[in-house]
């Protein structure tokens, strides 16, 4: 009799849990944006979330929580209840926290609800550069060692990762690295002739390319980009890049591990539909981002490949504080 009563109670508890998950959401959801108002992450999240709300039939109250290169927001959400009512809205930076000495947590503490979109890197040159594509640049570097000036923006940023990728695939380049405070100043310097080449995200460079103020040497992707259909992809010059690509800055919505599967599925479906909204697609298209809208195992695989490739590229370039091996991050291909 005792066992029957316990079994009945367990069934009621499980039934109640299922009912809670199926009724989700029953209250406001908190969306914690990792970066400040007006930035790329903020813009993406505030654009896509209203469309997700319509699918969910609930409200997501978004809050910017800045500081410590995004770690304050990440730690806040990681410490929240895993019930689907506190979401982390972030970018790629947490994947490098451990190796860069910026924190002891990353997206391994979370479940990816949706990797919304990613940026595409492009290598651009000034309009008067004596080469017109990636192969021409490599020939120029070999013929003129120590002369080519390449823009840089510091460890962990897109230019440092792309430069490290080139050095890994091609061998150490004999070029001059010229540091800048950000992509904007570096691209301005490129157009003024202060540097010769700059790795940048497509969205930041595309208007300059269209205006003829800079020229694309290669798109760092595995397929042509519809925004610049005539620009060659880097894998057409060297297949060695396929180990690391596709790669780029990305935006994602995450929930703490342990969130009920039904709740995660509802959130994933809501954001999966939201990224296909015409208004969001237009925003991403205008900014040169590739819409992804992936979740579950596909998102986990993307995050794992992104972290492995980026962490080891930066480590081999001497830009990390701790080896990826210390955190169980395997080298690509191992």
C-alpha atoms as a PDB file:
ATOM      1  CA  UNK A   1       0.000   0.000   0.000  1.00  0.00           C
ATOM      2  CA  UNK A   2       2.866   2.356   0.928  1.00  0.00           C
ATOM      3  CA  UNK A   3       4.494   1.767  -2.458  1.00  0.00           C
ATOM      4  CA  UNK A   4       1.212   2.475  -4.238  1.00  0.00           C
ATOM      5  CA  UNK A   5       0.826   5.809  -2.426  1.00  0.00           C
ATOM      6  CA  UNK A   6       4.419   6.839  -3.211  1.00  0.00           C
ATOM      7  CA  UNK A   7       3.912   5.853  -6.830  1.00  0.00           C
ATOM      8  CA  UNK A   8       0.746   7.904  -7.044  1.00  0.00           C
ATOM      9  CA  UNK A   9       2.486  10.939  -5.506  1.00  0.00           C
ATOM     10  CA  UNK A  10       5.397  10.593  -7.950  1.00  0.00           C
ATOM     11  CA  UNK A  11       2.975  10.425 -10.849  1.00  0.00           C
ATOM     12  CA  UNK A  12       1.242  13.563  -9.642  1.00  0.00           C
ATOM     13  CA  UNK A  13       4.560  15.405  -9.318  1.00  0.00           C
ATOM     14  CA  UNK A  14       5.648  14.341 -12.798  1.00  0.00           C
ATOM     15  CA  UNK A  15       2.249  15.259 -14.196  1.00  0.00           C
ATOM     16  CA  UNK A  16       2.434  18.686 -12.565  1.00  0.00           C
ATOM     17  CA  UNK A  17       5.910  19.258 -14.030  1.00  0.00           C
ATOM     18  CA  UNK A  18       4.686  18.316 -17.482  1.00  0.00           C
ATOM     19  CA  UNK A  19       1.736  20.659 -17.109  1.00  0.00           C
ATOM     20  CA  UNK A  20       4.010  23.526 -16.082  1.00  0.00           C
ATOM     21  CA  UNK A  21       6.250  22.920 -19.089  1.00  0.00           C
ATOM     22  CA  UNK A  22       3.315  22.681 -21.483  1.00  0.00           C
ATOM     23  CA  UNK A  23       1.765  25.894 -20.138  1.00  0.00           C
ATOM     24  CA  UNK A  24       5.032  27.848 -20.411  1.00  0.00           C
ATOM     25  CA  UNK A  25       5.301  30.791 -20.239  1.00  0.00           C
ATOM     26  CA  UNK A  26       3.028  31.763 -17.351  1.00  0.00           C
ATOM     27  CA  UNK A  27       4.972  34.906 -16.403  1.00  0.00           C
ATOM     28  CA  UNK A  28       7.411  37.414 -17.890  1.00  0.00           C
ATOM     29  CA  UNK A  29      10.710  36.090 -19.219  1.00  0.00           C
ATOM     30  CA  UNK A  30      13.859  38.062 -18.429  1.00  0.00           C
ATOM     31  CA  UNK A  31      16.233  38.516 -21.365  1.00  0.00           C
ATOM     32  CA  UNK A  32      19.676  39.597 -20.175  1.00  0.00           C
ATOM     33  CA  UNK A  33      21.629  41.265 -23.000  1.00  0.00           C
ATOM     34  CA  UNK A  34      25.365  40.892 -22.551  1.00  0.00           C
ATOM     35  CA  UNK A  35      26.322  44.213 -24.110  1.00  0.00           C
ATOM     36  CA  UNK A  36      25.209  47.836 -23.984  1.00  0.00           C
ATOM     37  CA  UNK A  37      22.306  49.583 -25.678  1.00  0.00           C
ATOM     38  CA  UNK A  38      22.793  50.354 -29.353  1.00  0.00           C
ATOM     39  CA  UNK A  39      25.498  47.754 -29.986  1.00  0.00           C
ATOM     40  CA  UNK A  40      25.216  44.887 -32.461  1.00  0.00           C
ATOM     41  CA  UNK A  41      24.059  42.315 -29.894  1.00  0.00           C
ATOM     42  CA  UNK A  42      21.468  44.708 -28.477  1.00  0.00           C
ATOM     43  CA  UNK A  43      20.168  45.552 -31.953  1.00  0.00           C
ATOM     44  CA  UNK A  44      19.875  41.905 -32.984  1.00  0.00           C
ATOM     45  CA  UNK A  45      18.094  40.830 -29.795  1.00  0.00           C
ATOM     46  CA  UNK A  46      15.633  43.714 -29.776  1.00  0.00           C
ATOM     47  CA  UNK A  47      14.854  43.037 -33.422  1.00  0.00           C
ATOM     48  CA  UNK A  48      14.265  39.291 -33.236  1.00  0.00           C
ATOM     49  CA  UNK A  49      12.641  38.933 -29.806  1.00  0.00           C
ATOM     50  CA  UNK A  50       9.283  40.651 -30.552  1.00  0.00           C
ATOM     51  CA  UNK A  51       8.723  38.059 -33.290  1.00  0.00           C
ATOM     52  CA  UNK A  52       9.599  35.239 -30.870  1.00  0.00           C
ATOM     53  CA  UNK A  53       7.154  36.676 -28.313  1.00  0.00           C
ATOM     54  CA  UNK A  54       4.280  36.299 -30.780  1.00  0.00           C
ATOM     55  CA  UNK A  55       5.061  32.607 -31.217  1.00  0.00           C
ATOM     56  CA  UNK A  56       5.506  32.035 -27.485  1.00  0.00           C
ATOM     57  CA  UNK A  57       2.428  33.978 -26.495  1.00  0.00           C
ATOM     58  CA  UNK A  58       4.423  35.633 -23.731  1.00  0.00           C
ATOM     59  CA  UNK A  59       6.565  38.661 -22.899  1.00  0.00           C
ATOM     60  CA  UNK A  60      10.356  38.875 -22.827  1.00  0.00           C
ATOM     61  CA  UNK A  61      11.595  41.875 -20.843  1.00  0.00           C
ATOM     62  CA  UNK A  62      15.075  42.725 -22.090  1.00  0.00           C
ATOM     63  CA  UNK A  63      17.726  44.289 -19.873  1.00  0.00           C
ATOM     64  CA  UNK A  64      21.263  45.357 -20.742  1.00  0.00           C
ATOM     65  CA  UNK A  65      23.743  44.068 -18.175  1.00  0.00           C
ATOM     66  CA  UNK A  66      27.256  45.165 -19.081  1.00  0.00           C
ATOM     67  CA  UNK A  67      30.692  44.806 -17.540  1.00  0.00           C
ATOM     68  CA  UNK A  68      33.725  42.490 -17.477  1.00  0.00           C
ATOM     69  CA  UNK A  69      33.584  41.864 -21.249  1.00  0.00           C
ATOM     70  CA  UNK A  70      30.113  40.343 -20.833  1.00  0.00           C
ATOM     71  CA  UNK A  71      31.017  38.068 -17.903  1.00  0.00           C
ATOM     72  CA  UNK A  72      28.717  39.835 -15.408  1.00  0.00           C
ATOM     73  CA  UNK A  73      25.645  39.015 -17.508  1.00  0.00           C
ATOM     74  CA  UNK A  74      26.802  35.453 -18.120  1.00  0.00           C
ATOM     75  CA  UNK A  75      27.436  34.779 -14.419  1.00  0.00           C
ATOM     76  CA  UNK A  76      24.072  36.322 -13.493  1.00  0.00           C
ATOM     77  CA  UNK A  77      22.128  34.038 -15.810  1.00  0.00           C
ATOM     78  CA  UNK A  78      24.261  30.993 -14.964  1.00  0.00           C
ATOM     79  CA  UNK A  79      23.243  31.478 -11.328  1.00  0.00           C
ATOM     80  CA  UNK A  80      19.543  31.840 -12.144  1.00  0.00           C
ATOM     81  CA  UNK A  81      16.914  29.105 -11.925  1.00  0.00           C
ATOM     82  CA  UNK A  82      16.942  26.741 -14.914  1.00  0.00           C
ATOM     83  CA  UNK A  83      13.267  27.252 -15.620  1.00  0.00           C
ATOM     84  CA  UNK A  84      13.259  29.165 -18.902  1.00  0.00           C
ATOM     85  CA  UNK A  85      12.430  32.499 -17.287  1.00  0.00           C
ATOM     86  CA  UNK A  86      15.939  33.975 -17.453  1.00  0.00           C
ATOM     87  CA  UNK A  87      17.693  33.974 -20.833  1.00  0.00           C
ATOM     88  CA  UNK A  88      21.196  35.071 -21.771  1.00  0.00           C
ATOM     89  CA  UNK A  89      21.346  37.060 -24.988  1.00  0.00           C
ATOM     90  CA  UNK A  90      24.959  37.174 -26.031  1.00  0.00           C
ATOM     91  CA  UNK A  91      27.663  36.962 -28.639  1.00  0.00           C
ATOM     92  CA  UNK A  92      30.748  34.810 -29.141  1.00  0.00           C
ATOM     93  CA  UNK A  93      33.018  36.297 -26.466  1.00  0.00           C
ATOM     94  CA  UNK A  94      32.265  33.823 -23.621  1.00  0.00           C
ATOM     95  CA  UNK A  95      33.766  30.997 -25.669  1.00  0.00           C
ATOM     96  CA  UNK A  96      37.169  32.600 -25.041  1.00  0.00           C
ATOM     97  CA  UNK A  97      36.774  33.642 -21.380  1.00  0.00           C
ATOM     98  CA  UNK A  98      38.710  30.719 -19.924  1.00  0.00           C
ATOM     99  CA  UNK A  99      41.734  30.821 -22.191  1.00  0.00           C
ATOM    100  CA  UNK A 100      41.941  34.626 -22.094  1.00  0.00           C
ATOM    101  CA  UNK A 101      41.720  34.694 -18.284  1.00  0.00           C
ATOM    102  CA  UNK A 102      38.436  36.615 -18.282  1.00  0.00           C
ATOM    103  CA  UNK A 103      36.275  34.153 -16.352  1.00  0.00           C
ATOM    104  CA  UNK A 104      35.759  30.545 -15.296  1.00  0.00           C
ATOM    105  CA  UNK A 105      32.478  29.976 -17.145  1.00  0.00           C
ATOM    106  CA  UNK A 106      31.486  29.861 -20.803  1.00  0.00           C
ATOM    107  CA  UNK A 107      28.547  28.610 -22.863  1.00  0.00           C
ATOM    108  CA  UNK A 108      29.275  25.116 -21.548  1.00  0.00           C
ATOM    109  CA  UNK A 109      27.097  26.173 -18.588  1.00  0.00           C
ATOM    110  CA  UNK A 110      24.150  26.736 -20.916  1.00  0.00           C
ATOM    111  CA  UNK A 111      21.898  25.168 -23.501  1.00  0.00           C
ATOM    112  CA  UNK A 112      21.785  27.014 -26.832  1.00  0.00           C
ATOM    113  CA  UNK A 113      18.194  27.998 -27.510  1.00  0.00           C
ATOM    114  CA  UNK A 114      19.163  29.469 -30.871  1.00  0.00           C
ATOM    115  CA  UNK A 115      22.320  30.576 -32.631  1.00  0.00           C
ATOM    116  CA  UNK A 116      20.594  33.338 -34.533  1.00  0.00           C
ATOM    117  CA  UNK A 117      23.149  34.602 -37.028  1.00  0.00           C
ATOM    118  CA  UNK A 118      26.862  34.959 -37.665  1.00  0.00           C
ATOM    119  CA  UNK A 119      29.049  37.534 -39.283  1.00  0.00           C
ATOM    120  CA  UNK A 120      31.287  36.720 -42.218  1.00  0.00           C
ATOM    121  CA  UNK A 121      34.936  37.818 -42.206  1.00  0.00           C
ATOM    122  CA  UNK A 122      36.410  39.400 -45.307  1.00  0.00           C
ATOM    123  CA  UNK A 123      39.992  40.369 -46.066  1.00  0.00           C
ATOM    124  CA  UNK A 124      40.040  43.786 -47.718  1.00  0.00           C
ATOM    125  CA  UNK A 125      42.788  45.881 -49.285  1.00  0.00           C
ATOM    126  CA  UNK A 126      43.109  49.519 -50.193  1.00  0.00           C
ATOM    127  CA  UNK A 127      42.024  50.429 -53.727  1.00  0.00           C
ATOM    128  CA  UNK A 128      45.624  51.074 -54.803  1.00  0.00           C
ATOM    129  CA  UNK A 129      47.087  47.839 -53.412  1.00  0.00           C
ATOM    130  CA  UNK A 130      49.293  46.102 -56.040  1.00  0.00           C
ATOM    131  CA  UNK A 131      47.176  42.922 -55.881  1.00  0.00           C
ATOM    132  CA  UNK A 132      43.505  42.126 -56.409  1.00  0.00           C
ATOM    133  CA  UNK A 133      42.913  38.861 -54.578  1.00  0.00           C
ATOM    134  CA  UNK A 134      44.232  36.599 -51.833  1.00  0.00           C
ATOM    135  CA  UNK A 135      46.679  34.745 -54.092  1.00  0.00           C
ATOM    136  CA  UNK A 136      48.099  38.061 -55.294  1.00  0.00           C
ATOM    137  CA  UNK A 137      48.566  39.230 -51.713  1.00  0.00           C
ATOM    138  CA  UNK A 138      50.443  36.048 -50.802  1.00  0.00           C
ATOM    139  CA  UNK A 139      52.722  36.468 -53.845  1.00  0.00           C
ATOM    140  CA  UNK A 140      53.357  40.092 -52.841  1.00  0.00           C
ATOM    141  CA  UNK A 141      54.288  39.122 -49.274  1.00  0.00           C
ATOM    142  CA  UNK A 142      56.740  36.498 -50.510  1.00  0.00           C
ATOM    143  CA  UNK A 143      58.320  38.944 -52.967  1.00  0.00           C
ATOM    144  CA  UNK A 144      58.365  41.842 -50.475  1.00  0.00           C
ATOM    145  CA  UNK A 145      58.961  40.444 -46.966  1.00  0.00           C
ATOM    146  CA  UNK A 146      58.341  42.834 -44.102  1.00  0.00           C
ATOM    147  CA  UNK A 147      56.606  45.472 -46.234  1.00  0.00           C
ATOM    148  CA  UNK A 148      52.872  44.734 -46.189  1.00  0.00           C
ATOM    149  CA  UNK A 149      51.027  46.596 -43.408  1.00  0.00           C
ATOM    150  CA  UNK A 150      48.111  44.675 -41.890  1.00  0.00           C
ATOM    151  CA  UNK A 151      45.656  46.240 -39.461  1.00  0.00           C
ATOM    152  CA  UNK A 152      45.082  44.731 -36.009  1.00  0.00           C
ATOM    153  CA  UNK A 153      42.725  45.452 -33.083  1.00  0.00           C
ATOM    154  CA  UNK A 154      44.104  43.393 -30.186  1.00  0.00           C
ATOM    155  CA  UNK A 155      43.903  39.792 -28.903  1.00  0.00           C
ATOM    156  CA  UNK A 156      40.591  37.959 -29.301  1.00  0.00           C
ATOM    157  CA  UNK A 157      39.048  40.258 -31.888  1.00  0.00           C
ATOM    158  CA  UNK A 158      38.155  39.223 -35.411  1.00  0.00           C
ATOM    159  CA  UNK A 159      41.362  40.607 -36.998  1.00  0.00           C
ATOM    160  CA  UNK A 160      43.560  38.665 -34.551  1.00  0.00           C
ATOM    161  CA  UNK A 161      41.696  35.409 -35.213  1.00  0.00           C
ATOM    162  CA  UNK A 162      41.790  35.779 -39.002  1.00  0.00           C
ATOM    163  CA  UNK A 163      45.477  36.729 -38.929  1.00  0.00           C
ATOM    164  CA  UNK A 164      46.213  33.705 -36.727  1.00  0.00           C
ATOM    165  CA  UNK A 165      44.198  31.539 -39.133  1.00  0.00           C
ATOM    166  CA  UNK A 166      46.243  32.757 -42.098  1.00  0.00           C
ATOM    167  CA  UNK A 167      49.511  32.135 -40.229  1.00  0.00           C
ATOM    168  CA  UNK A 168      48.374  28.625 -39.301  1.00  0.00           C
ATOM    169  CA  UNK A 169      47.285  27.668 -42.807  1.00  0.00           C
ATOM    170  CA  UNK A 170      50.005  29.446 -44.793  1.00  0.00           C
ATOM    171  CA  UNK A 171      52.887  29.610 -42.305  1.00  0.00           C
ATOM    172  CA  UNK A 172      54.025  32.700 -40.431  1.00  0.00           C
ATOM    173  CA  UNK A 173      53.578  35.813 -42.572  1.00  0.00           C
ATOM    174  CA  UNK A 174      56.376  38.372 -42.687  1.00  0.00           C
ATOM    175  CA  UNK A 175      54.182  41.477 -42.422  1.00  0.00           C
ATOM    176  CA  UNK A 176      53.895  44.570 -40.229  1.00  0.00           C
ATOM    177  CA  UNK A 177      50.994  44.533 -37.743  1.00  0.00           C
ATOM    178  CA  UNK A 178      49.588  48.028 -37.201  1.00  0.00           C
ATOM    179  CA  UNK A 179      47.324  48.312 -34.099  1.00  0.00           C
ATOM    180  CA  UNK A 180      44.064  50.293 -33.967  1.00  0.00           C
ATOM    181  CA  UNK A 181      41.374  50.792 -31.326  1.00  0.00           C
ATOM    182  CA  UNK A 182      38.691  49.139 -33.437  1.00  0.00           C
ATOM    183  CA  UNK A 183      37.494  48.103 -36.890  1.00  0.00           C
ATOM    184  CA  UNK A 184      36.206  51.587 -37.698  1.00  0.00           C
ATOM    185  CA  UNK A 185      39.530  53.440 -37.268  1.00  0.00           C
ATOM    186  CA  UNK A 186      41.392  50.616 -39.007  1.00  0.00           C
ATOM    187  CA  UNK A 187      39.118  50.663 -42.069  1.00  0.00           C
ATOM    188  CA  UNK A 188      39.421  54.456 -42.209  1.00  0.00           C
ATOM    189  CA  UNK A 189      43.206  54.056 -42.143  1.00  0.00           C
ATOM    190  CA  UNK A 190      42.974  51.474 -44.928  1.00  0.00           C
ATOM    191  CA  UNK A 191      41.052  53.860 -47.150  1.00  0.00           C
ATOM    192  CA  UNK A 192      43.616  56.586 -46.427  1.00  0.00           C
ATOM    193  CA  UNK A 193      46.554  54.372 -47.345  1.00  0.00           C
ATOM    194  CA  UNK A 194      48.029  54.068 -43.839  1.00  0.00           C
ATOM    195  CA  UNK A 195      47.719  50.266 -44.035  1.00  0.00           C
ATOM    196  CA  UNK A 196      47.454  47.862 -46.955  1.00  0.00           C
ATOM    197  CA  UNK A 197      45.195  45.057 -45.742  1.00  0.00           C
ATOM    198  CA  UNK A 198      42.582  44.593 -43.002  1.00  0.00           C
ATOM    199  CA  UNK A 199      40.524  41.592 -41.845  1.00  0.00           C
ATOM    200  CA  UNK A 200      37.008  42.822 -41.011  1.00  0.00           C
ATOM    201  CA  UNK A 201      33.432  41.645 -40.653  1.00  0.00           C
ATOM    202  CA  UNK A 202      31.574  41.966 -43.947  1.00  0.00           C
ATOM    203  CA  UNK A 203      28.899  44.245 -42.504  1.00  0.00           C
ATOM    204  CA  UNK A 204      31.503  46.851 -41.530  1.00  0.00           C
ATOM    205  CA  UNK A 205      33.319  46.772 -44.867  1.00  0.00           C
ATOM    206  CA  UNK A 206      30.588  46.284 -47.435  1.00  0.00           C
ATOM    207  CA  UNK A 207      29.707  49.961 -47.995  1.00  0.00           C
ATOM    208  CA  UNK A 208      33.378  50.827 -48.515  1.00  0.00           C
ATOM    209  CA  UNK A 209      33.668  47.949 -50.990  1.00  0.00           C
ATOM    210  CA  UNK A 210      30.579  49.079 -52.894  1.00  0.00           C
ATOM    211  CA  UNK A 211      31.911  52.644 -53.019  1.00  0.00           C
ATOM    212  CA  UNK A 212      35.232  51.440 -54.449  1.00  0.00           C
ATOM    213  CA  UNK A 213      37.168  52.637 -51.387  1.00  0.00           C
ATOM    214  CA  UNK A 214      38.482  49.144 -50.681  1.00  0.00           C
ATOM    215  CA  UNK A 215      38.538  45.831 -52.518  1.00  0.00           C
ATOM    216  CA  UNK A 216      37.748  42.318 -51.222  1.00  0.00           C
ATOM    217  CA  UNK A 217      40.642  39.874 -51.490  1.00  0.00           C
ATOM    218  CA  UNK A 218      38.742  36.892 -50.081  1.00  0.00           C
ATOM    219  CA  UNK A 219      35.579  36.015 -48.185  1.00  0.00           C
ATOM    220  CA  UNK A 220      36.489  33.792 -45.230  1.00  0.00           C
ATOM    221  CA  UNK A 221      33.733  31.241 -45.703  1.00  0.00           C
ATOM    222  CA  UNK A 222      33.104  27.918 -47.421  1.00  0.00           C
ATOM    223  CA  UNK A 223      30.496  29.253 -49.859  1.00  0.00           C
ATOM    224  CA  UNK A 224      30.125  32.464 -51.902  1.00  0.00           C
ATOM    225  CA  UNK A 225      28.324  35.343 -50.229  1.00  0.00           C
ATOM    226  CA  UNK A 226      25.211  36.722 -51.905  1.00  0.00           C
ATOM    227  CA  UNK A 227      26.136  40.262 -50.823  1.00  0.00           C
ATOM    228  CA  UNK A 228      29.405  40.055 -52.791  1.00  0.00           C
ATOM    229  CA  UNK A 229      28.825  37.227 -55.285  1.00  0.00           C
ATOM    230  CA  UNK A 230      31.945  38.061 -57.314  1.00  0.00           C
ATOM    231  CA  UNK A 231      34.315  38.026 -54.327  1.00  0.00           C
ATOM    232  CA  UNK A 232      36.296  34.762 -54.142  1.00  0.00           C
ATOM    233  CA  UNK A 233      36.088  32.522 -51.090  1.00  0.00           C
ATOM    234  CA  UNK A 234      39.359  31.785 -49.310  1.00  0.00           C
ATOM    235  CA  UNK A 235      38.919  28.003 -49.570  1.00  0.00           C
ATOM    236  CA  UNK A 236      39.214  28.370 -53.346  1.00  0.00           C
ATOM    237  CA  UNK A 237      42.820  29.461 -52.770  1.00  0.00           C
ATOM    238  CA  UNK A 238      43.703  27.026 -49.975  1.00  0.00           C
ATOM    239  CA  UNK A 239      41.509  24.118 -48.825  1.00  0.00           C
ATOM    240  CA  UNK A 240      43.338  24.151 -45.489  1.00  0.00           C
ATOM    241  CA  UNK A 241      40.889  26.791 -44.278  1.00  0.00           C
ATOM    242  CA  UNK A 242      38.053  24.259 -44.258  1.00  0.00           C
ATOM    243  CA  UNK A 243      39.326  23.054 -40.856  1.00  0.00           C
ATOM    244  CA  UNK A 244      38.326  26.385 -39.285  1.00  0.00           C
ATOM    245  CA  UNK A 245      35.407  27.583 -41.410  1.00  0.00           C
ATOM    246  CA  UNK A 246      32.635  28.601 -41.264  1.00  0.00           C
ATOM    247  CA  UNK A 247      33.727  31.053 -38.576  1.00  0.00           C
ATOM    248  CA  UNK A 248      32.663  34.498 -37.508  1.00  0.00           C
ATOM    249  CA  UNK A 249      31.213  36.543 -34.676  1.00  0.00           C
ATOM    250  CA  UNK A 250      27.774  35.238 -33.749  1.00  0.00           C
ATOM    251  CA  UNK A 251      24.676  36.037 -31.712  1.00  0.00           C
ATOM    252  CA  UNK A 252      22.765  33.538 -29.609  1.00  0.00           C
ATOM    253  CA  UNK A 253      20.071  33.035 -26.985  1.00  0.00           C
ATOM    254  CA  UNK A 254      20.932  30.671 -24.129  1.00  0.00           C
ATOM    255  CA  UNK A 255      19.307  29.182 -21.034  1.00  0.00           C
ATOM    256  CA  UNK A 256      21.020  27.549 -18.029  1.00  0.00           C
ATOM    257  CA  UNK A 257      21.616  23.816 -18.245  1.00  0.00           C
ATOM    258  CA  UNK A 258      18.849  21.791 -16.650  1.00  0.00           C
ATOM    259  CA  UNK A 259      16.018  23.783 -18.210  1.00  0.00           C
ATOM    260  CA  UNK A 260      13.066  21.409 -18.902  1.00  0.00           C
ATOM    261  CA  UNK A 261      13.304  19.962 -22.405  1.00  0.00           C
ATOM    262  CA  UNK A 262       9.752  21.083 -23.280  1.00  0.00           C
ATOM    263  CA  UNK A 263      10.579  24.650 -22.312  1.00  0.00           C
ATOM    264  CA  UNK A 264      13.823  24.682 -24.299  1.00  0.00           C
ATOM    265  CA  UNK A 265      11.965  23.255 -27.273  1.00  0.00           C
ATOM    266  CA  UNK A 266       9.305  25.971 -27.087  1.00  0.00           C
ATOM    267  CA  UNK A 267      11.938  28.693 -26.897  1.00  0.00           C
ATOM    268  CA  UNK A 268      13.932  27.127 -29.712  1.00  0.00           C
ATOM    269  CA  UNK A 269      10.869  26.932 -31.935  1.00  0.00           C
ATOM    270  CA  UNK A 270       9.903  30.528 -31.138  1.00  0.00           C
ATOM    271  CA  UNK A 271      13.314  31.952 -32.006  1.00  0.00           C
ATOM    272  CA  UNK A 272      13.634  29.553 -34.933  1.00  0.00           C
ATOM    273  CA  UNK A 273      10.494  31.058 -36.434  1.00  0.00           C
ATOM    274  CA  UNK A 274      11.479  34.592 -35.446  1.00  0.00           C
ATOM    275  CA  UNK A 275      14.713  34.586 -37.463  1.00  0.00           C
ATOM    276  CA  UNK A 276      12.656  33.924 -40.596  1.00  0.00           C
ATOM    277  CA  UNK A 277      10.566  37.070 -40.107  1.00  0.00           C
ATOM    278  CA  UNK A 278      11.024  39.341 -43.154  1.00  0.00           C
ATOM    279  CA  UNK A 279      11.937  42.367 -41.018  1.00  0.00           C
ATOM    280  CA  UNK A 280      14.696  40.443 -39.220  1.00  0.00           C
ATOM    281  CA  UNK A 281      15.953  38.906 -42.458  1.00  0.00           C
ATOM    282  CA  UNK A 282      16.190  42.376 -43.982  1.00  0.00           C
ATOM    283  CA  UNK A 283      18.147  43.706 -40.980  1.00  0.00           C
ATOM    284  CA  UNK A 284      20.626  40.821 -41.142  1.00  0.00           C
ATOM    285  CA  UNK A 285      20.940  41.123 -44.901  1.00  0.00           C
ATOM    286  CA  UNK A 286      21.659  44.849 -44.689  1.00  0.00           C
ATOM    287  CA  UNK A 287      24.348  44.220 -42.086  1.00  0.00           C
ATOM    288  CA  UNK A 288      25.960  41.368 -44.012  1.00  0.00           C
ATOM    289  CA  UNK A 289      25.124  38.681 -41.441  1.00  0.00           C
ATOM    290  CA  UNK A 290      24.219  35.092 -42.295  1.00  0.00           C
ATOM    291  CA  UNK A 291      21.003  33.937 -40.600  1.00  0.00           C
ATOM    292  CA  UNK A 292      21.393  30.539 -38.911  1.00  0.00           C
ATOM    293  CA  UNK A 293      18.517  29.848 -36.480  1.00  0.00           C
ATOM    294  CA  UNK A 294      20.041  26.568 -35.242  1.00  0.00           C
ATOM    295  CA  UNK A 295      19.461  24.891 -31.881  1.00  0.00           C
ATOM    296  CA  UNK A 296      20.024  21.584 -30.088  1.00  0.00           C
ATOM    297  CA  UNK A 297      22.784  19.268 -31.315  1.00  0.00           C
ATOM    298  CA  UNK A 298      23.409  21.386 -34.413  1.00  0.00           C
ATOM    299  CA  UNK A 299      24.049  24.460 -32.277  1.00  0.00           C
ATOM    300  CA  UNK A 300      26.259  22.496 -29.888  1.00  0.00           C
ATOM    301  CA  UNK A 301      28.352  21.222 -32.803  1.00  0.00           C
ATOM    302  CA  UNK A 302      28.737  24.764 -34.142  1.00  0.00           C
ATOM    303  CA  UNK A 303      29.818  26.089 -30.733  1.00  0.00           C
ATOM    304  CA  UNK A 304      32.292  23.256 -30.216  1.00  0.00           C
ATOM    305  CA  UNK A 305      33.931  23.749 -33.616  1.00  0.00           C
ATOM    306  CA  UNK A 306      34.009  27.532 -33.136  1.00  0.00           C
ATOM    307  CA  UNK A 307      35.646  27.245 -29.720  1.00  0.00           C
ATOM    308  CA  UNK A 308      38.183  24.624 -30.767  1.00  0.00           C
ATOM    309  CA  UNK A 309      39.337  26.487 -33.842  1.00  0.00           C
ATOM    310  CA  UNK A 310      39.444  29.929 -32.252  1.00  0.00           C
ATOM    311  CA  UNK A 311      41.031  28.881 -28.961  1.00  0.00           C
ATOM    312  CA  UNK A 312      43.885  26.993 -30.572  1.00  0.00           C
ATOM    313  CA  UNK A 313      44.496  29.634 -33.244  1.00  0.00           C
ATOM    314  CA  UNK A 314      44.871  32.285 -30.530  1.00  0.00           C
ATOM    315  CA  UNK A 315      46.964  30.008 -28.312  1.00  0.00           C
ATOM    316  CA  UNK A 316      49.377  29.078 -31.101  1.00  0.00           C
ATOM    317  CA  UNK A 317      49.715  32.794 -31.859  1.00  0.00           C
ATOM    318  CA  UNK A 318      50.765  33.395 -28.239  1.00  0.00           C
ATOM    319  CA  UNK A 319      47.668  35.457 -27.414  1.00  0.00           C
ATOM    320  CA  UNK A 320      46.140  33.371 -24.600  1.00  0.00           C
ATOM    321  CA  UNK A 321      46.822  33.238 -20.870  1.00  0.00           C
ATOM    322  CA  UNK A 322      46.065  29.531 -20.503  1.00  0.00           C
ATOM    323  CA  UNK A 323      46.299  26.592 -22.880  1.00  0.00           C
ATOM    324  CA  UNK A 324      42.944  25.342 -24.207  1.00  0.00           C
ATOM    325  CA  UNK A 325      44.133  21.891 -23.168  1.00  0.00           C
ATOM    326  CA  UNK A 326      43.723  22.938 -19.524  1.00  0.00           C
ATOM    327  CA  UNK A 327      39.971  23.167 -20.111  1.00  0.00           C
ATOM    328  CA  UNK A 328      39.576  20.062 -22.238  1.00  0.00           C
ATOM    329  CA  UNK A 329      39.314  21.993 -25.503  1.00  0.00           C
ATOM    330  CA  UNK A 330      40.699  19.649 -28.148  1.00  0.00           C
ATOM    331  CA  UNK A 331      42.614  20.810 -31.179  1.00  0.00           C
ATOM    332  CA  UNK A 332      40.549  20.814 -34.373  1.00  0.00           C
ATOM    333  CA  UNK A 333      40.604  17.381 -35.945  1.00  0.00           C
ATOM    334  CA  UNK A 334      41.642  15.550 -32.771  1.00  0.00           C
END
